[in-house]
Amino acid sequence: MNEPMQNLLRLQTLEFSEKQNKNTAALIAELRGTIPPQILDHYDRLRVRGKKGLTAVINQVCTGCHMRLPLAVIMTLKHDQDIQLCDTCGRYLYLPVEAENVPVLKPLDSKPGPSPRRRKKSSPSAESGAMGGIMSSPTPVASRMKAE
């Protein structure tokens, strides 16, 4: 993670923590001086709305809005080439230290085939039909006509 994002993460941690004292206020002012104004302005707009301005990316998913990110964004973050924003929620993205060493998982290429179906064993009662085991053979039409 590059230096402005590290400073922004420290700033966010301090600003959203419950305990603040004089030392914390001085540290916040010092960190705000090290972050470029464009990044700080965007971060402050999100913070005013009660949102965190910086969020981690875990398993290719923005933890702020829980949306999957494009692989190009992940690779840019991994190679530390540029600062990235989430297209959905607008937060700055960073890879946590433990996530930088984990390789990006690829989705499975194909789904597993269907499992073979087992045939039910036929029982004598199932063979005789649904009429309680009593099946009469149909009477031929010609013999019925003669009987009338």
C-alpha atoms as a PDB file:
ATOM      1  CA  MET A   1       0.000   0.000   0.000  1.00  0.00           C
ATOM      2  CA  ASN A   2       1.410   3.390  -0.938  1.00  0.00           C
ATOM      3  CA  GLU A   3       2.090   6.155   1.565  1.00  0.00           C
ATOM      4  CA  PRO A   4      -1.011   8.372   1.030  1.00  0.00           C
ATOM      5  CA  MET A   5      -3.305   5.359   1.513  1.00  0.00           C
ATOM      6  CA  GLN A   6      -1.409   4.285   4.646  1.00  0.00           C
ATOM      7  CA  ASN A   7      -1.783   7.790   6.069  1.00  0.00           C
ATOM      8  CA  LEU A   8      -5.465   7.878   5.092  1.00  0.00           C
ATOM      9  CA  LEU A   9      -6.036   4.530   6.817  1.00  0.00           C
ATOM     10  CA  ARG A  10      -4.374   5.820  10.006  1.00  0.00           C
ATOM     11  CA  LEU A  11      -6.433   9.024   9.783  1.00  0.00           C
ATOM     12  CA  GLN A  12      -9.676   7.083   9.353  1.00  0.00           C
ATOM     13  CA  THR A  13      -8.805   4.815  12.276  1.00  0.00           C
ATOM     14  CA  LEU A  14      -8.179   7.808  14.507  1.00  0.00           C
ATOM     15  CA  GLU A  15     -11.254   9.764  13.398  1.00  0.00           C
ATOM     16  CA  PHE A  16     -13.641   6.850  13.815  1.00  0.00           C
ATOM     17  CA  SER A  17     -12.209   5.723  17.148  1.00  0.00           C
ATOM     18  CA  GLU A  18     -14.232   6.507  20.255  1.00  0.00           C
ATOM     19  CA  LYS A  19     -11.348   7.805  22.366  1.00  0.00           C
ATOM     20  CA  GLN A  20      -9.934  11.130  21.246  1.00  0.00           C
ATOM     21  CA  ASN A  21      -7.661  13.421  23.234  1.00  0.00           C
ATOM     22  CA  LYS A  22      -5.187  16.242  22.568  1.00  0.00           C
ATOM     23  CA  ASN A  23      -2.531  13.867  21.247  1.00  0.00           C
ATOM     24  CA  THR A  24      -5.040  12.336  18.867  1.00  0.00           C
ATOM     25  CA  ALA A  25      -6.100  15.758  17.576  1.00  0.00           C
ATOM     26  CA  ALA A  26      -2.465  16.705  16.947  1.00  0.00           C
ATOM     27  CA  LEU A  27      -1.822  13.415  15.146  1.00  0.00           C
ATOM     28  CA  ILE A  28      -4.961  13.898  13.006  1.00  0.00           C
ATOM     29  CA  ALA A  29      -3.784  17.393  12.010  1.00  0.00           C
ATOM     30  CA  GLU A  30      -0.329  16.026  11.151  1.00  0.00           C
ATOM     31  CA  LEU A  31      -1.774  13.215   9.024  1.00  0.00           C
ATOM     32  CA  ARG A  32      -4.113  15.611   7.207  1.00  0.00           C
ATOM     33  CA  GLY A  33      -1.036  17.645   6.223  1.00  0.00           C
ATOM     34  CA  THR A  34       0.626  14.627   4.576  1.00  0.00           C
ATOM     35  CA  ILE A  35      -2.361  13.549   2.459  1.00  0.00           C
ATOM     36  CA  PRO A  36      -2.876  15.254  -0.945  1.00  0.00           C
ATOM     37  CA  PRO A  37      -5.808  17.718  -0.929  1.00  0.00           C
ATOM     38  CA  GLN A  38      -7.785  15.955  -3.709  1.00  0.00           C
ATOM     39  CA  ILE A  39      -7.784  12.677  -1.792  1.00  0.00           C
ATOM     40  CA  LEU A  40      -8.596  14.438   1.470  1.00  0.00           C
ATOM     41  CA  ASP A  41     -11.541  16.343  -0.080  1.00  0.00           C
ATOM     42  CA  HIS A  42     -13.097  13.144  -1.437  1.00  0.00           C
ATOM     43  CA  TYR A  43     -12.529  11.376   1.906  1.00  0.00           C
ATOM     44  CA  ASP A  44     -14.172  14.278   3.802  1.00  0.00           C
ATOM     45  CA  ARG A  45     -17.257  14.218   1.543  1.00  0.00           C
ATOM     46  CA  LEU A  46     -17.811  10.568   2.437  1.00  0.00           C
ATOM     47  CA  ARG A  47     -17.048  11.129   6.125  1.00  0.00           C
ATOM     48  CA  VAL A  48     -19.607  13.949   6.381  1.00  0.00           C
ATOM     49  CA  ARG A  49     -22.264  11.444   5.274  1.00  0.00           C
ATOM     50  CA  GLY A  50     -21.152   9.075   8.045  1.00  0.00           C
ATOM     51  CA  LYS A  51     -19.325   6.668   5.722  1.00  0.00           C
ATOM     52  CA  LYS A  52     -15.767   5.495   5.886  1.00  0.00           C
ATOM     53  CA  GLY A  53     -13.720   6.827   2.988  1.00  0.00           C
ATOM     54  CA  LEU A  54     -11.326   3.908   2.749  1.00  0.00           C
ATOM     55  CA  THR A  55     -12.248   0.236   2.633  1.00  0.00           C
ATOM     56  CA  ALA A  56     -10.432  -3.058   2.248  1.00  0.00           C
ATOM     57  CA  VAL A  57     -10.705  -5.453  -0.662  1.00  0.00           C
ATOM     58  CA  ILE A  58     -11.086  -9.069   0.407  1.00  0.00           C
ATOM     59  CA  ASN A  59     -11.569 -11.913  -2.102  1.00  0.00           C
ATOM     60  CA  GLN A  60     -12.031  -9.394  -4.946  1.00  0.00           C
ATOM     61  CA  VAL A  61     -14.971  -7.809  -3.086  1.00  0.00           C
ATOM     62  CA  CYS A  62     -15.234  -4.232  -1.787  1.00  0.00           C
ATOM     63  CA  THR A  63     -16.015  -4.525   1.920  1.00  0.00           C
ATOM     64  CA  GLY A  64     -17.850  -1.192   1.834  1.00  0.00           C
ATOM     65  CA  CYS A  65     -20.603  -2.128  -0.624  1.00  0.00           C
ATOM     66  CA  HIS A  66     -19.967  -5.895  -0.987  1.00  0.00           C
ATOM     67  CA  MET A  67     -19.733  -5.710  -4.766  1.00  0.00           C
ATOM     68  CA  ARG A  68     -17.252  -7.760  -6.783  1.00  0.00           C
ATOM     69  CA  LEU A  69     -14.483  -5.676  -8.341  1.00  0.00           C
ATOM     70  CA  PRO A  70     -12.968  -6.088 -11.811  1.00  0.00           C
ATOM     71  CA  LEU A  71      -9.711  -7.992 -11.987  1.00  0.00           C
ATOM     72  CA  ALA A  72      -7.950  -4.937 -13.449  1.00  0.00           C
ATOM     73  CA  VAL A  73      -8.673  -2.967 -10.262  1.00  0.00           C
ATOM     74  CA  ILE A  74      -7.358  -5.828  -8.106  1.00  0.00           C
ATOM     75  CA  MET A  75      -4.168  -6.111 -10.146  1.00  0.00           C
ATOM     76  CA  THR A  76      -3.593  -2.332 -10.001  1.00  0.00           C
ATOM     77  CA  LEU A  77      -3.910  -2.466  -6.222  1.00  0.00           C
ATOM     78  CA  LYS A  78      -1.714  -5.548  -5.991  1.00  0.00           C
ATOM     79  CA  HIS A  79       1.075  -3.942  -8.026  1.00  0.00           C
ATOM     80  CA  ASP A  80       0.605  -0.640  -6.153  1.00  0.00           C
ATOM     81  CA  GLN A  81       0.466   1.272  -9.435  1.00  0.00           C
ATOM     82  CA  ASP A  82      -2.303   3.749  -8.679  1.00  0.00           C
ATOM     83  CA  ILE A  83      -5.002   4.761  -6.213  1.00  0.00           C
ATOM     84  CA  GLN A  84      -8.328   3.078  -6.970  1.00  0.00           C
ATOM     85  CA  LEU A  85     -11.928   4.014  -6.184  1.00  0.00           C
ATOM     86  CA  CYS A  86     -14.813   1.568  -5.994  1.00  0.00           C
ATOM     87  CA  ASP A  87     -17.114   2.182  -8.967  1.00  0.00           C
ATOM     88  CA  THR A  88     -20.183   1.382  -6.878  1.00  0.00           C
ATOM     89  CA  CYS A  89     -19.720   3.145  -3.527  1.00  0.00           C
ATOM     90  CA  GLY A  90     -16.941   5.642  -4.350  1.00  0.00           C
ATOM     91  CA  ARG A  91     -14.651   4.629  -1.478  1.00  0.00           C
ATOM     92  CA  TYR A  92     -10.886   4.400  -1.789  1.00  0.00           C
ATOM     93  CA  LEU A  93      -9.710   0.800  -1.976  1.00  0.00           C
ATOM     94  CA  TYR A  94      -6.730  -0.904  -0.419  1.00  0.00           C
ATOM     95  CA  LEU A  95      -5.496  -4.453  -0.040  1.00  0.00           C
ATOM     96  CA  PRO A  96      -4.904  -5.518   3.558  1.00  0.00           C
ATOM     97  CA  VAL A  97      -1.370  -6.719   4.259  1.00  0.00           C
ATOM     98  CA  GLU A  98      -2.386 -10.391   4.640  1.00  0.00           C
ATOM     99  CA  ALA A  99      -4.441 -10.239   1.413  1.00  0.00           C
ATOM    100  CA  GLU A 100      -1.497  -8.987  -0.668  1.00  0.00           C
ATOM    101  CA  ASN A 101       0.329 -12.299  -0.277  1.00  0.00           C
ATOM    102  CA  VAL A 102      -2.683 -14.489  -1.078  1.00  0.00           C
ATOM    103  CA  PRO A 103      -3.018 -15.393  -4.774  1.00  0.00           C
ATOM    104  CA  VAL A 104      -6.182 -14.348  -6.568  1.00  0.00           C
ATOM    105  CA  LEU A 105      -8.516 -17.343  -6.821  1.00  0.00           C
ATOM    106  CA  LYS A 106      -9.925 -18.160 -10.226  1.00  0.00           C
ATOM    107  CA  PRO A 107     -13.515 -19.345 -10.534  1.00  0.00           C
ATOM    108  CA  LEU A 108     -14.087 -22.927 -11.625  1.00  0.00           C
ATOM    109  CA  ASP A 109     -14.202 -23.338 -15.404  1.00  0.00           C
ATOM    110  CA  SER A 110     -17.022 -25.838 -15.486  1.00  0.00           C
ATOM    111  CA  LYS A 111     -19.683 -27.116 -13.207  1.00  0.00           C
ATOM    112  CA  PRO A 112     -19.493 -30.694 -12.023  1.00  0.00           C
ATOM    113  CA  GLY A 113     -21.738 -33.095 -13.925  1.00  0.00           C
ATOM    114  CA  PRO A 114     -24.914 -34.491 -12.461  1.00  0.00           C
ATOM    115  CA  SER A 115     -24.550 -37.409 -10.120  1.00  0.00           C
ATOM    116  CA  PRO A 116     -25.794 -40.740 -11.439  1.00  0.00           C
ATOM    117  CA  ARG A 117     -29.341 -41.537 -10.358  1.00  0.00           C
ATOM    118  CA  ARG A 118     -30.147 -44.749  -8.644  1.00  0.00           C
ATOM    119  CA  ARG A 119     -33.130 -46.761  -9.727  1.00  0.00           C
ATOM    120  CA  LYS A 120     -35.528 -47.843  -7.086  1.00  0.00           C
ATOM    121  CA  LYS A 121     -35.809 -51.552  -6.618  1.00  0.00           C
ATOM    122  CA  SER A 122     -39.159 -52.781  -7.798  1.00  0.00           C
ATOM    123  CA  SER A 123     -41.311 -54.611  -5.308  1.00  0.00           C
ATOM    124  CA  PRO A 124     -44.096 -57.087  -6.160  1.00  0.00           C
ATOM    125  CA  SER A 125     -46.777 -54.651  -4.993  1.00  0.00           C
ATOM    126  CA  ALA A 126     -45.410 -51.904  -7.227  1.00  0.00           C
ATOM    127  CA  GLU A 127     -45.565 -54.212 -10.253  1.00  0.00           C
ATOM    128  CA  SER A 128     -49.240 -55.065  -9.717  1.00  0.00           C
ATOM    129  CA  GLY A 129     -50.301 -51.426 -10.091  1.00  0.00           C
ATOM    130  CA  ALA A 130     -51.921 -48.766  -8.021  1.00  0.00           C
ATOM    131  CA  MET A 131     -55.246 -50.553  -7.529  1.00  0.00           C
ATOM    132  CA  GLY A 132     -54.252 -52.486  -4.447  1.00  0.00           C
ATOM    133  CA  GLY A 133     -52.652 -55.370  -6.286  1.00  0.00           C
ATOM    134  CA  ILE A 134     -55.820 -56.454  -8.118  1.00  0.00           C
ATOM    135  CA  MET A 135     -55.624 -56.042 -11.833  1.00  0.00           C
ATOM    136  CA  SER A 136     -58.144 -57.495 -14.189  1.00  0.00           C
ATOM    137  CA  SER A 137     -57.367 -57.975 -17.806  1.00  0.00           C
ATOM    138  CA  PRO A 138     -59.474 -55.924 -20.155  1.00  0.00           C
ATOM    139  CA  THR A 139     -62.357 -57.727 -21.816  1.00  0.00           C
ATOM    140  CA  PRO A 140     -62.187 -57.731 -25.610  1.00  0.00           C
ATOM    141  CA  VAL A 141     -64.735 -55.490 -27.309  1.00  0.00           C
ATOM    142  CA  ALA A 142     -66.185 -58.319 -29.437  1.00  0.00           C
ATOM    143  CA  SER A 143     -66.939 -60.507 -26.393  1.00  0.00           C
ATOM    144  CA  ARG A 144     -68.606 -57.602 -24.619  1.00  0.00           C
ATOM    145  CA  MET A 145     -70.893 -56.999 -27.560  1.00  0.00           C
ATOM    146  CA  LYS A 146     -71.965 -60.646 -27.653  1.00  0.00           C
ATOM    147  CA  ALA A 147     -72.687 -60.630 -23.947  1.00  0.00           C
ATOM    148  CA  GLU A 148     -75.210 -57.857 -24.363  1.00  0.00           C
END
